C-alpha atoms as a PDB file:
ATOM      1  CA  MET A   1      -7.731 -27.474  16.972  1.00  0.00           C
ATOM      2  CA  SER A   2      -7.822 -30.205  14.324  1.00  0.00           C
ATOM      3  CA  THR A   3      -6.320 -29.738  10.894  1.00  0.00           C
ATOM      4  CA  LEU A   4      -8.355 -29.281   7.752  1.00  0.00           C
ATOM      5  CA  ILE A   5      -5.421 -30.065   5.462  1.00  0.00           C
ATOM      6  CA  THR A   6      -6.272 -32.721   2.800  1.00  0.00           C
ATOM      7  CA  LYS A   7      -9.989 -32.337   3.528  1.00  0.00           C
ATOM      8  CA  GLU A   8     -12.653 -30.757   1.372  1.00  0.00           C
ATOM      9  CA  ALA A   9     -13.000 -27.070   2.179  1.00  0.00           C
ATOM     10  CA  PRO A  10     -16.199 -26.433   4.148  1.00  0.00           C
ATOM     11  CA  ASP A  11     -18.620 -24.947   1.660  1.00  0.00           C
ATOM     12  CA  PHE A  12     -20.639 -21.833   2.346  1.00  0.00           C
ATOM     13  CA  THR A  13     -22.933 -19.340   0.689  1.00  0.00           C
ATOM     14  CA  ALA A  14     -22.759 -15.829   2.112  1.00  0.00           C
ATOM     15  CA  THR A  15     -23.162 -12.209   1.117  1.00  0.00           C
ATOM     16  CA  ALA A  16     -20.027 -10.401   0.016  1.00  0.00           C
ATOM     17  CA  VAL A  17     -19.179  -6.942  -1.166  1.00  0.00           C
ATOM     18  CA  MET A  18     -17.578  -7.447  -4.558  1.00  0.00           C
ATOM     19  CA  GLY A  19     -14.793  -5.606  -6.352  1.00  0.00           C
ATOM     20  CA  ASP A  20     -17.340  -3.334  -8.042  1.00  0.00           C
ATOM     21  CA  ASN A  21     -19.017  -2.516  -4.671  1.00  0.00           C
ATOM     22  CA  THR A  22     -22.129  -4.565  -5.400  1.00  0.00           C
ATOM     23  CA  PHE A  23     -23.498  -7.088  -2.930  1.00  0.00           C
ATOM     24  CA  GLU A  24     -23.604 -10.683  -4.094  1.00  0.00           C
ATOM     25  CA  ASP A  25     -24.247 -14.053  -2.488  1.00  0.00           C
ATOM     26  CA  ILE A  26     -21.206 -16.162  -3.289  1.00  0.00           C
ATOM     27  CA  THR A  27     -20.774 -19.905  -2.868  1.00  0.00           C
ATOM     28  CA  LEU A  28     -17.267 -21.220  -2.285  1.00  0.00           C
ATOM     29  CA  SER A  29     -17.815 -24.400  -4.324  1.00  0.00           C
ATOM     30  CA  SER A  30     -18.641 -22.274  -7.399  1.00  0.00           C
ATOM     31  CA  TYR A  31     -14.912 -21.435  -7.554  1.00  0.00           C
ATOM     32  CA  ARG A  32     -13.948 -25.011  -8.524  1.00  0.00           C
ATOM     33  CA  GLU A  33     -11.462 -25.195 -11.405  1.00  0.00           C
ATOM     34  CA  LYS A  34      -9.610 -22.277  -9.810  1.00  0.00           C
ATOM     35  CA  TYR A  35      -7.343 -22.086  -6.800  1.00  0.00           C
ATOM     36  CA  VAL A  36      -8.681 -20.063  -3.890  1.00  0.00           C
ATOM     37  CA  VAL A  37      -6.882 -18.204  -1.136  1.00  0.00           C
ATOM     38  CA  LEU A  38      -9.530 -17.861   1.569  1.00  0.00           C
ATOM     39  CA  PHE A  39      -8.319 -15.659   4.388  1.00  0.00           C
ATOM     40  CA  PHE A  40      -9.913 -14.554   7.624  1.00  0.00           C
ATOM     41  CA  TYR A  41      -9.254 -11.358   9.532  1.00  0.00           C
ATOM     42  CA  PRO A  42     -10.688 -10.150  12.857  1.00  0.00           C
ATOM     43  CA  LEU A  43     -12.597  -6.933  12.136  1.00  0.00           C
ATOM     44  CA  ASP A  44     -13.114  -4.075   9.728  1.00  0.00           C
ATOM     45  CA  PHE A  45     -11.780  -0.654  10.779  1.00  0.00           C
ATOM     46  CA  THR A  46      -8.851  -2.079  12.768  1.00  0.00           C
ATOM     47  CA  PHE A  47      -5.105  -1.544  12.434  1.00  0.00           C
ATOM     48  CA  VAL A  48      -3.328  -4.654  11.088  1.00  0.00           C
ATOM     49  CA  CYS A  49      -6.221  -5.769   8.873  1.00  0.00           C
ATOM     50  CA  PRO A  50      -6.059  -2.934   6.310  1.00  0.00           C
ATOM     51  CA  SER A  51      -2.334  -3.480   5.780  1.00  0.00           C
ATOM     52  CA  GLU A  52      -2.990  -7.115   4.840  1.00  0.00           C
ATOM     53  CA  ILE A  53      -6.061  -6.489   2.718  1.00  0.00           C
ATOM     54  CA  ILE A  54      -4.357  -3.709   0.771  1.00  0.00           C
ATOM     55  CA  ALA A  55      -1.163  -5.762   0.345  1.00  0.00           C
ATOM     56  CA  TYR A  56      -3.134  -8.684  -1.096  1.00  0.00           C
ATOM     57  CA  ASN A  57      -4.984  -6.311  -3.401  1.00  0.00           C
ATOM     58  CA  LYS A  58      -1.713  -4.810  -4.680  1.00  0.00           C
ATOM     59  CA  ALA A  59      -0.673  -8.334  -5.697  1.00  0.00           C
ATOM     60  CA  ILE A  60      -4.021  -9.285  -7.249  1.00  0.00           C
ATOM     61  CA  GLU A  61      -2.582  -9.629 -10.774  1.00  0.00           C
ATOM     62  CA  SER A  62       0.035 -12.055  -9.434  1.00  0.00           C
ATOM     63  CA  PHE A  63      -2.783 -14.182  -7.997  1.00  0.00           C
ATOM     64  CA  LYS A  64      -4.849 -13.982 -11.177  1.00  0.00           C
ATOM     65  CA  SER A  65      -1.845 -15.047 -13.276  1.00  0.00           C
ATOM     66  CA  ARG A  66      -1.768 -18.201 -11.125  1.00  0.00           C
ATOM     67  CA  ASN A  67      -5.497 -18.918 -11.722  1.00  0.00           C
ATOM     68  CA  THR A  68      -6.122 -18.012  -8.075  1.00  0.00           C
ATOM     69  CA  GLU A  69      -9.012 -16.108  -6.531  1.00  0.00           C
ATOM     70  CA  LEU A  70      -8.737 -14.145  -3.293  1.00  0.00           C
ATOM     71  CA  ILE A  71     -11.630 -14.100  -0.825  1.00  0.00           C
ATOM     72  CA  GLY A  72     -11.508 -12.247   2.498  1.00  0.00           C
ATOM     73  CA  VAL A  73     -13.810 -13.067   5.426  1.00  0.00           C
ATOM     74  CA  SER A  74     -14.626 -11.393   8.731  1.00  0.00           C
ATOM     75  CA  ILE A  75     -17.548 -11.426  11.132  1.00  0.00           C
ATOM     76  CA  ASP A  76     -18.607  -7.949  10.024  1.00  0.00           C
ATOM     77  CA  SER A  77     -21.683  -7.330   7.888  1.00  0.00           C
ATOM     78  CA  HIS A  78     -21.483  -6.662   4.170  1.00  0.00           C
ATOM     79  CA  PHE A  79     -22.602  -3.101   4.951  1.00  0.00           C
ATOM     80  CA  SER A  80     -19.563  -2.647   7.182  1.00  0.00           C
ATOM     81  CA  HIS A  81     -17.312  -4.074   4.451  1.00  0.00           C
ATOM     82  CA  TRP A  82     -18.851  -1.630   1.952  1.00  0.00           C
ATOM     83  CA  ALA A  83     -18.345   1.327   4.291  1.00  0.00           C
ATOM     84  CA  TRP A  84     -14.716   0.312   4.898  1.00  0.00           C
ATOM     85  CA  LYS A  85     -14.055   0.047   1.163  1.00  0.00           C
ATOM     86  CA  ASN A  86     -15.569   3.476   0.663  1.00  0.00           C
ATOM     87  CA  THR A  87     -13.440   5.115   3.347  1.00  0.00           C
ATOM     88  CA  ALA A  88     -10.196   6.670   2.128  1.00  0.00           C
ATOM     89  CA  VAL A  89      -7.029   4.780   3.058  1.00  0.00           C
ATOM     90  CA  ASN A  90      -5.620   7.846   4.833  1.00  0.00           C
ATOM     91  CA  ASN A  91      -8.777   7.860   6.994  1.00  0.00           C
ATOM     92  CA  GLY A  92      -8.469   4.203   8.021  1.00  0.00           C
ATOM     93  CA  GLY A  93     -10.254   2.660   5.057  1.00  0.00           C
ATOM     94  CA  ILE A  94      -9.070   0.108   2.505  1.00  0.00           C
ATOM     95  CA  GLY A  95     -10.109   1.772  -0.731  1.00  0.00           C
ATOM     96  CA  GLN A  96     -11.419  -0.029  -3.784  1.00  0.00           C
ATOM     97  CA  ILE A  97     -10.009  -3.507  -3.360  1.00  0.00           C
ATOM     98  CA  GLN A  98     -10.888  -5.838  -6.215  1.00  0.00           C
ATOM     99  CA  TYR A  99     -11.754  -9.122  -4.511  1.00  0.00           C
ATOM    100  CA  PRO A 100     -14.792 -10.158  -2.425  1.00  0.00           C
ATOM    101  CA  LEU A 101     -15.086  -9.533   1.298  1.00  0.00           C
ATOM    102  CA  VAL A 102     -17.523 -12.023   2.808  1.00  0.00           C
ATOM    103  CA  ALA A 103     -19.831 -11.183   5.709  1.00  0.00           C
ATOM    104  CA  ASP A 104     -19.730 -13.933   8.353  1.00  0.00           C
ATOM    105  CA  ILE A 105     -22.091 -12.309  10.845  1.00  0.00           C
ATOM    106  CA  THR A 106     -23.364 -15.708  12.040  1.00  0.00           C
ATOM    107  CA  LYS A 107     -19.705 -16.713  12.649  1.00  0.00           C
ATOM    108  CA  ASN A 108     -20.486 -20.102  11.123  1.00  0.00           C
ATOM    109  CA  ILE A 109     -17.815 -19.884   8.428  1.00  0.00           C
ATOM    110  CA  SER A 110     -15.181 -18.981  11.031  1.00  0.00           C
ATOM    111  CA  ARG A 111     -16.335 -21.911  13.176  1.00  0.00           C
ATOM    112  CA  ASP A 112     -16.234 -24.332  10.242  1.00  0.00           C
ATOM    113  CA  TYR A 113     -12.651 -23.300   9.484  1.00  0.00           C
ATOM    114  CA  GLU A 114     -11.728 -23.512  13.182  1.00  0.00           C
ATOM    115  CA  VAL A 115     -10.444 -19.939  13.419  1.00  0.00           C
ATOM    116  CA  LEU A 116     -13.073 -18.408  15.726  1.00  0.00           C
ATOM    117  CA  ILE A 117     -11.566 -17.345  19.053  1.00  0.00           C
ATOM    118  CA  ASN A 118     -13.591 -16.819  22.225  1.00  0.00           C
ATOM    119  CA  ASP A 119     -16.748 -17.012  20.087  1.00  0.00           C
ATOM    120  CA  ALA A 120     -15.922 -13.427  19.134  1.00  0.00           C
ATOM    121  CA  VAL A 121     -13.663 -12.829  16.115  1.00  0.00           C
ATOM    122  CA  ALA A 122     -11.599 -14.862  13.674  1.00  0.00           C
ATOM    123  CA  LEU A 123      -7.886 -15.374  14.041  1.00  0.00           C
ATOM    124  CA  ARG A 124      -5.813 -14.613  10.937  1.00  0.00           C
ATOM    125  CA  GLY A 125      -6.435 -17.916   9.187  1.00  0.00           C
ATOM    126  CA  LEU A 126      -5.405 -18.468   5.576  1.00  0.00           C
ATOM    127  CA  PHE A 127      -6.378 -21.504   3.508  1.00  0.00           C
ATOM    128  CA  LEU A 128      -5.078 -22.464   0.073  1.00  0.00           C
ATOM    129  CA  ILE A 129      -7.750 -24.503  -1.682  1.00  0.00           C
ATOM    130  CA  ASP A 130      -6.958 -26.428  -4.858  1.00  0.00           C
ATOM    131  CA  LYS A 131      -9.066 -26.708  -8.027  1.00  0.00           C
ATOM    132  CA  GLU A 132     -10.876 -29.750  -6.617  1.00  0.00           C
ATOM    133  CA  GLY A 133     -11.916 -27.901  -3.455  1.00  0.00           C
ATOM    134  CA  ILE A 134      -9.338 -29.566  -1.177  1.00  0.00           C
ATOM    135  CA  ILE A 135      -7.420 -27.560   1.436  1.00  0.00           C
ATOM    136  CA  ARG A 136      -3.722 -28.002   0.673  1.00  0.00           C
ATOM    137  CA  HIS A 137      -2.130 -25.365   2.921  1.00  0.00           C
ATOM    138  CA  ALA A 138      -3.197 -23.401   5.987  1.00  0.00           C
ATOM    139  CA  THR A 139      -1.712 -20.934   8.409  1.00  0.00           C
ATOM    140  CA  ILE A 140      -3.304 -19.420  11.474  1.00  0.00           C
ATOM    141  CA  ASN A 141      -1.788 -16.343  13.102  1.00  0.00           C
ATOM    142  CA  ASP A 142      -2.684 -14.713  16.381  1.00  0.00           C
ATOM    143  CA  LEU A 143      -4.511 -11.391  16.107  1.00  0.00           C
ATOM    144  CA  PRO A 144      -1.488  -9.015  16.116  1.00  0.00           C
ATOM    145  CA  LEU A 145       0.566 -10.973  13.554  1.00  0.00           C
ATOM    146  CA  GLY A 146       0.121  -9.972   9.909  1.00  0.00           C
ATOM    147  CA  ARG A 147       0.704 -12.321   6.981  1.00  0.00           C
ATOM    148  CA  ASN A 148       3.234 -12.297   4.139  1.00  0.00           C
ATOM    149  CA  VAL A 149       1.812 -11.999   0.620  1.00  0.00           C
ATOM    150  CA  ASP A 150       5.012 -13.305  -0.996  1.00  0.00           C
ATOM    151  CA  GLU A 151       4.842 -16.479   1.099  1.00  0.00           C
ATOM    152  CA  THR A 152       1.243 -17.024  -0.001  1.00  0.00           C
ATOM    153  CA  LEU A 153       2.326 -16.728  -3.653  1.00  0.00           C
ATOM    154  CA  ARG A 154       5.258 -19.078  -3.002  1.00  0.00           C
ATOM    155  CA  MET A 155       2.892 -21.721  -1.614  1.00  0.00           C
ATOM    156  CA  ILE A 156       0.654 -21.448  -4.678  1.00  0.00           C
ATOM    157  CA  ASP A 157       3.717 -21.876  -6.903  1.00  0.00           C
ATOM    158  CA  ALA A 158       4.824 -24.903  -4.869  1.00  0.00           C
ATOM    159  CA  LEU A 159       1.388 -26.531  -5.052  1.00  0.00           C
ATOM    160  CA  GLN A 160       1.114 -25.956  -8.790  1.00  0.00           C
ATOM    161  CA  HIS A 161       4.654 -27.261  -9.312  1.00  0.00           C
ATOM    162  CA  THR A 162       3.947 -30.478  -7.412  1.00  0.00           C
ATOM    163  CA  GLU A 163       0.686 -30.964  -9.304  1.00  0.00           C
ATOM    164  CA  GLU A 164       2.347 -30.448 -12.674  1.00  0.00           C
ATOM    165  CA  HIS A 165       5.590 -32.336 -12.105  1.00  0.00           C
ATOM    166  CA  GLY A 166       4.800 -34.751  -9.258  1.00  0.00           C
ATOM    167  CA  GLU A 167       7.825 -33.511  -7.351  1.00  0.00           C
ATOM    168  CA  VAL A 168       8.362 -32.301  -3.834  1.00  0.00           C
ATOM    169  CA  CYS A 169       9.359 -28.745  -3.001  1.00  0.00           C
ATOM    170  CA  PRO A 170      12.087 -28.632  -0.327  1.00  0.00           C
ATOM    171  CA  ALA A 171      12.526 -25.954   2.328  1.00  0.00           C
ATOM    172  CA  ASN A 172      12.915 -22.446   0.910  1.00  0.00           C
ATOM    173  CA  TRP A 173      11.942 -23.662  -2.586  1.00  0.00           C
ATOM    174  CA  THR A 174      10.968 -20.872  -4.967  1.00  0.00           C
ATOM    175  CA  LYS A 175       9.733 -20.886  -8.527  1.00  0.00           C
ATOM    176  CA  GLY A 176      12.771 -21.250 -10.739  1.00  0.00           C
ATOM    177  CA  ASP A 177      14.313 -23.985  -8.578  1.00  0.00           C
ATOM    178  CA  GLU A 178      12.513 -26.635 -10.680  1.00  0.00           C
ATOM    179  CA  ALA A 179      15.615 -28.028 -12.347  1.00  0.00           C
ATOM    180  CA  MET A 180      17.307 -28.558  -9.017  1.00  0.00           C
ATOM    181  CA  VAL A 181      14.715 -30.991  -7.697  1.00  0.00           C
ATOM    182  CA  ASP A 182      14.362 -33.175 -10.799  1.00  0.00           C
ATOM    183  CA  THR A 183      17.018 -35.687  -9.722  1.00  0.00           C
ATOM    184  CA  ALA A 184      18.752 -36.924  -6.590  1.00  0.00           C
ATOM    185  CA  ASP A 185      21.871 -34.990  -7.677  1.00  0.00           C
ATOM    186  CA  GLY A 186      19.725 -31.911  -8.120  1.00  0.00           C
ATOM    187  CA  VAL A 187      18.315 -32.277  -4.603  1.00  0.00           C
ATOM    188  CA  ALA A 188      21.843 -32.542  -3.191  1.00  0.00           C
ATOM    189  CA  THR A 189      22.853 -29.433  -5.143  1.00  0.00           C
ATOM    190  CA  TYR A 190      19.710 -27.622  -3.978  1.00  0.00           C
ATOM    191  CA  LEU A 191      20.379 -28.522  -0.344  1.00  0.00           C
ATOM    192  CA  SER A 192      23.994 -27.366  -0.525  1.00  0.00           C
ATOM    193  CA  LYS A 193      22.899 -24.102  -2.162  1.00  0.00           C
ATOM    194  CA  HIS A 194      20.380 -23.414   0.618  1.00  0.00           C
ATOM    195  CA  ALA A 195      22.464 -24.648   3.563  1.00  0.00           C
ATOM    196  CA  SER A 196      23.051 -22.029   6.225  1.00  0.00           C
END
């Protein structure tokens, strides 16, 4: 599997069920000037997927405050996405999430992002795309391994910090550590603070 990091995110136009339950054809490149977290999941009506989708939805204001849009993708149809949204959480549904779920029934989007496994379903791929449409961060998990919303937010913070200040973000960097990486002395202090 080759990496897509530093490359332009493969563009697509596909039908999605939107936050208001309408169907809309969305084009990834129309999100320029915003950051995008594009994440893939295997299938609707499965077990790990709703926990992730709901967790990302609970943090949607944190993403919006960072000028970041969430977009979920699976190989299911937009009708399946709609039915899943309109199934109660206690019955295996996801409820009224507020970001688009894209239908990739041709599997072409999953192929373009190199997350399709066995020509069947997508692995749990996540791609952080900057305002210019460039992929700056990616993770790909095997099917049973759910993602961490806080880590996704941390990576957005790190990207925005490096863009604004031209600085690196060391291991375990979090927002608020800015002053510690401004100088060589600050880096040494940061490293000693985070040493195990």
